[in-house]
C-alpha atoms as a PDB file:
ATOM      1  CA  MET A   1       5.003  71.674  53.589  1.00  0.00           C
ATOM      2  CA  SER A   2       1.387  70.938  54.369  1.00  0.00           C
ATOM      3  CA  SER A   3       0.028  74.437  55.015  1.00  0.00           C
ATOM      4  CA  ASP A   4      -1.244  76.610  52.186  1.00  0.00           C
ATOM      5  CA  PRO A   5       1.548  79.074  51.218  1.00  0.00           C
ATOM      6  CA  ARG A   6      -0.678  81.416  49.181  1.00  0.00           C
ATOM      7  CA  ASP A   7      -1.142  83.715  52.183  1.00  0.00           C
ATOM      8  CA  GLU A   8       2.648  84.060  52.441  1.00  0.00           C
ATOM      9  CA  VAL A   9       3.118  85.391  48.888  1.00  0.00           C
ATOM     10  CA  PHE A  10       4.639  88.828  49.290  1.00  0.00           C
ATOM     11  CA  ARG A  11       3.978  91.659  46.851  1.00  0.00           C
ATOM     12  CA  SER A  12       6.077  94.797  46.792  1.00  0.00           C
ATOM     13  CA  VAL A  13       5.316  97.910  44.781  1.00  0.00           C
ATOM     14  CA  ARG A  14       8.316  99.764  43.390  1.00  0.00           C
ATOM     15  CA  PRO A  15       8.647 102.917  41.247  1.00  0.00           C
ATOM     16  CA  TRP A  16       9.206 100.746  38.150  1.00  0.00           C
ATOM     17  CA  GLY A  17       6.283  98.362  38.841  1.00  0.00           C
ATOM     18  CA  ASP A  18       6.036  95.506  41.340  1.00  0.00           C
ATOM     19  CA  PHE A  19       7.137  91.972  42.153  1.00  0.00           C
ATOM     20  CA  GLN A  20       5.776  88.902  43.907  1.00  0.00           C
ATOM     21  CA  GLN A  21       7.948  86.803  46.205  1.00  0.00           C
ATOM     22  CA  PHE A  22       6.720  83.211  46.429  1.00  0.00           C
ATOM     23  CA  THR A  23       9.266  81.722  48.830  1.00  0.00           C
ATOM     24  CA  PHE A  24      11.820  83.081  51.241  1.00  0.00           C
ATOM     25  CA  ASN A  25      14.666  80.864  52.447  1.00  0.00           C
ATOM     26  CA  GLN A  26      12.612  77.689  51.979  1.00  0.00           C
ATOM     27  CA  LYS A  27      13.471  74.430  50.268  1.00  0.00           C
ATOM     28  CA  SER A  28      11.564  74.691  46.995  1.00  0.00           C
ATOM     29  CA  THR A  29      11.795  73.941  43.300  1.00  0.00           C
ATOM     30  CA  VAL A  30      10.474  76.354  40.666  1.00  0.00           C
ATOM     31  CA  LYS A  31       9.376  75.427  37.142  1.00  0.00           C
ATOM     32  CA  VAL A  32       7.424  77.074  34.340  1.00  0.00           C
ATOM     33  CA  ILE A  33       5.182  74.504  32.660  1.00  0.00           C
ATOM     34  CA  SER A  34       3.710  75.107  29.208  1.00  0.00           C
ATOM     35  CA  VAL A  35       0.539  73.175  28.325  1.00  0.00           C
ATOM     36  CA  SER A  36      -0.115  72.922  24.587  1.00  0.00           C
ATOM     37  CA  PRO A  37      -3.601  73.589  23.156  1.00  0.00           C
ATOM     38  CA  GLY A  38      -5.952  70.655  23.720  1.00  0.00           C
ATOM     39  CA  GLN A  39      -3.482  68.841  26.001  1.00  0.00           C
ATOM     40  CA  ARG A  40      -3.488  68.057  29.706  1.00  0.00           C
ATOM     41  CA  LEU A  41      -1.142  66.837  32.401  1.00  0.00           C
ATOM     42  CA  SER A  42      -1.694  63.404  33.894  1.00  0.00           C
ATOM     43  CA  LEU A  43      -4.034  63.133  36.862  1.00  0.00           C
ATOM     44  CA  GLN A  44      -1.377  62.716  39.521  1.00  0.00           C
ATOM     45  CA  ARG A  45      -0.325  63.153  43.126  1.00  0.00           C
ATOM     46  CA  HIS A  46       2.914  63.468  45.065  1.00  0.00           C
ATOM     47  CA  GLN A  47       3.728  61.994  48.458  1.00  0.00           C
ATOM     48  CA  HIS A  48       6.739  64.202  49.192  1.00  0.00           C
ATOM     49  CA  ARG A  49       5.753  67.675  48.072  1.00  0.00           C
ATOM     50  CA  GLY A  50       2.945  70.189  47.813  1.00  0.00           C
ATOM     51  CA  GLU A  51       2.685  72.536  44.850  1.00  0.00           C
ATOM     52  CA  MET A  52       1.527  76.086  44.315  1.00  0.00           C
ATOM     53  CA  TRP A  53       0.656  77.081  40.771  1.00  0.00           C
ATOM     54  CA  GLN A  54       0.225  80.570  39.387  1.00  0.00           C
ATOM     55  CA  ILE A  55      -1.558  80.660  36.044  1.00  0.00           C
ATOM     56  CA  LEU A  56       0.454  82.964  33.789  1.00  0.00           C
ATOM     57  CA  ASP A  57      -1.088  83.541  30.355  1.00  0.00           C
ATOM     58  CA  ALA A  58      -4.772  82.676  30.067  1.00  0.00           C
ATOM     59  CA  SER A  59      -7.354  80.524  31.784  1.00  0.00           C
ATOM     60  CA  LEU A  60      -6.509  76.884  32.417  1.00  0.00           C
ATOM     61  CA  GLU A  61      -8.820  74.111  33.596  1.00  0.00           C
ATOM     62  CA  VAL A  62      -7.507  72.942  36.969  1.00  0.00           C
ATOM     63  CA  THR A  63      -8.474  69.926  39.044  1.00  0.00           C
ATOM     64  CA  VAL A  64      -7.447  69.701  42.704  1.00  0.00           C
ATOM     65  CA  GLY A  65      -8.972  66.809  44.608  1.00  0.00           C
ATOM     66  CA  SER A  66     -12.647  66.583  43.643  1.00  0.00           C
ATOM     67  CA  ASP A  67     -12.870  70.238  42.481  1.00  0.00           C
ATOM     68  CA  THR A  68     -12.440  71.316  38.842  1.00  0.00           C
ATOM     69  CA  TRP A  69     -12.640  74.949  37.725  1.00  0.00           C
ATOM     70  CA  LEU A  70     -11.363  77.385  35.125  1.00  0.00           C
ATOM     71  CA  ALA A  71      -8.454  79.123  36.866  1.00  0.00           C
ATOM     72  CA  GLN A  72      -7.802  82.611  35.535  1.00  0.00           C
ATOM     73  CA  ALA A  73      -4.486  84.246  34.642  1.00  0.00           C
ATOM     74  CA  GLY A  74      -2.824  85.406  37.857  1.00  0.00           C
ATOM     75  CA  GLU A  75      -4.758  82.966  40.057  1.00  0.00           C
ATOM     76  CA  LEU A  76      -2.810  81.079  42.725  1.00  0.00           C
ATOM     77  CA  VAL A  77      -3.718  77.408  43.170  1.00  0.00           C
ATOM     78  CA  TRP A  78      -2.577  75.317  46.159  1.00  0.00           C
ATOM     79  CA  ILE A  79      -2.175  71.539  45.803  1.00  0.00           C
ATOM     80  CA  PRO A  80      -1.525  69.938  49.198  1.00  0.00           C
ATOM     81  CA  GLN A  81       0.892  67.022  49.412  1.00  0.00           C
ATOM     82  CA  GLY A  82      -0.858  63.762  48.443  1.00  0.00           C
ATOM     83  CA  THR A  83      -3.781  65.499  46.658  1.00  0.00           C
ATOM     84  CA  THR A  84      -4.746  64.494  43.110  1.00  0.00           C
ATOM     85  CA  HIS A  85      -4.377  67.264  40.558  1.00  0.00           C
ATOM     86  CA  ARG A  86      -4.283  68.051  36.848  1.00  0.00           C
ATOM     87  CA  ALA A  87      -4.182  71.024  34.465  1.00  0.00           C
ATOM     88  CA  ALA A  88      -5.875  70.984  31.058  1.00  0.00           C
ATOM     89  CA  ASN A  89      -5.632  73.568  28.291  1.00  0.00           C
ATOM     90  CA  ARG A  90      -8.921  74.126  26.438  1.00  0.00           C
ATOM     91  CA  ALA A  91      -7.576  77.290  24.744  1.00  0.00           C
ATOM     92  CA  GLU A  92      -6.229  77.718  21.212  1.00  0.00           C
ATOM     93  CA  ASP A  93      -2.776  78.802  22.385  1.00  0.00           C
ATOM     94  CA  SER A  94      -0.281  77.332  24.850  1.00  0.00           C
ATOM     95  CA  VAL A  95      -0.797  78.363  28.461  1.00  0.00           C
ATOM     96  CA  ARG A  96       2.012  78.554  31.016  1.00  0.00           C
ATOM     97  CA  LEU A  97       1.875  78.056  34.728  1.00  0.00           C
ATOM     98  CA  LEU A  98       4.508  78.785  37.336  1.00  0.00           C
ATOM     99  CA  GLU A  99       4.950  75.833  39.674  1.00  0.00           C
ATOM    100  CA  VAL A 100       6.584  76.214  43.076  1.00  0.00           C
ATOM    101  CA  ALA A 101       7.061  72.810  44.707  1.00  0.00           C
ATOM    102  CA  PHE A 102       7.518  72.718  48.490  1.00  0.00           C
ATOM    103  CA  GLY A 103       9.336  69.735  49.961  1.00  0.00           C
ATOM    104  CA  VAL A 104      11.591  67.078  48.510  1.00  0.00           C
ATOM    105  CA  PHE A 105      11.485  67.344  44.713  1.00  0.00           C
ATOM    106  CA  ASP A 106      11.954  64.199  42.668  1.00  0.00           C
ATOM    107  CA  GLU A 107      10.298  63.490  39.305  1.00  0.00           C
ATOM    108  CA  ASP A 108       9.967  59.861  40.460  1.00  0.00           C
ATOM    109  CA  ASP A 109       7.492  61.112  43.095  1.00  0.00           C
ATOM    110  CA  ILE A 110       4.799  61.412  40.398  1.00  0.00           C
ATOM    111  CA  GLU A 111       2.055  58.836  40.908  1.00  0.00           C
ATOM    112  CA  ARG A 112       0.018  58.922  37.689  1.00  0.00           C
ATOM    113  CA  LEU A 113      -3.608  57.889  38.183  1.00  0.00           C
ATOM    114  CA  GLU A 114      -4.675  58.683  34.593  1.00  0.00           C
ATOM    115  CA  ASP A 115      -2.395  59.531  31.695  1.00  0.00           C
ATOM    116  CA  ASP A 116      -3.319  60.352  28.082  1.00  0.00           C
ATOM    117  CA  TYR A 117       0.183  59.396  26.916  1.00  0.00           C
ATOM    118  CA  ARG A 118       0.325  55.906  28.480  1.00  0.00           C
ATOM    119  CA  ARG A 119       3.345  56.633  30.639  1.00  0.00           C
ATOM    120  CA  ALA A 120       4.114  54.379  33.564  1.00  0.00           C
ATOM    121  CA  PRO A 121       2.420  55.154  36.875  1.00  0.00           C
END
């Protein structure tokens, strides 16, 4: 998927509260990623999928392409297929993000451009 899916996120208000629907009958993979204090993901890109992140707990430093900003809890971030990206936790507690990957999901599709843990590209 190359188009930004953030506009397609559906929110429904119910008597008990509300919910957000991120995908509907689409091929996608969903993960919750926890970033420990002072740690960051590798600077990476994927050739076969785009990703949408929703920051869950607290602010998280996010890099997408040449832009870096402090994404706030609840913020939706779109990472187009083939775009470099990274998340870094500058907080004192772990921060989680919900990742919805659109397209073919394969952990071998990670091309690491920089990695603090010296893992293979």
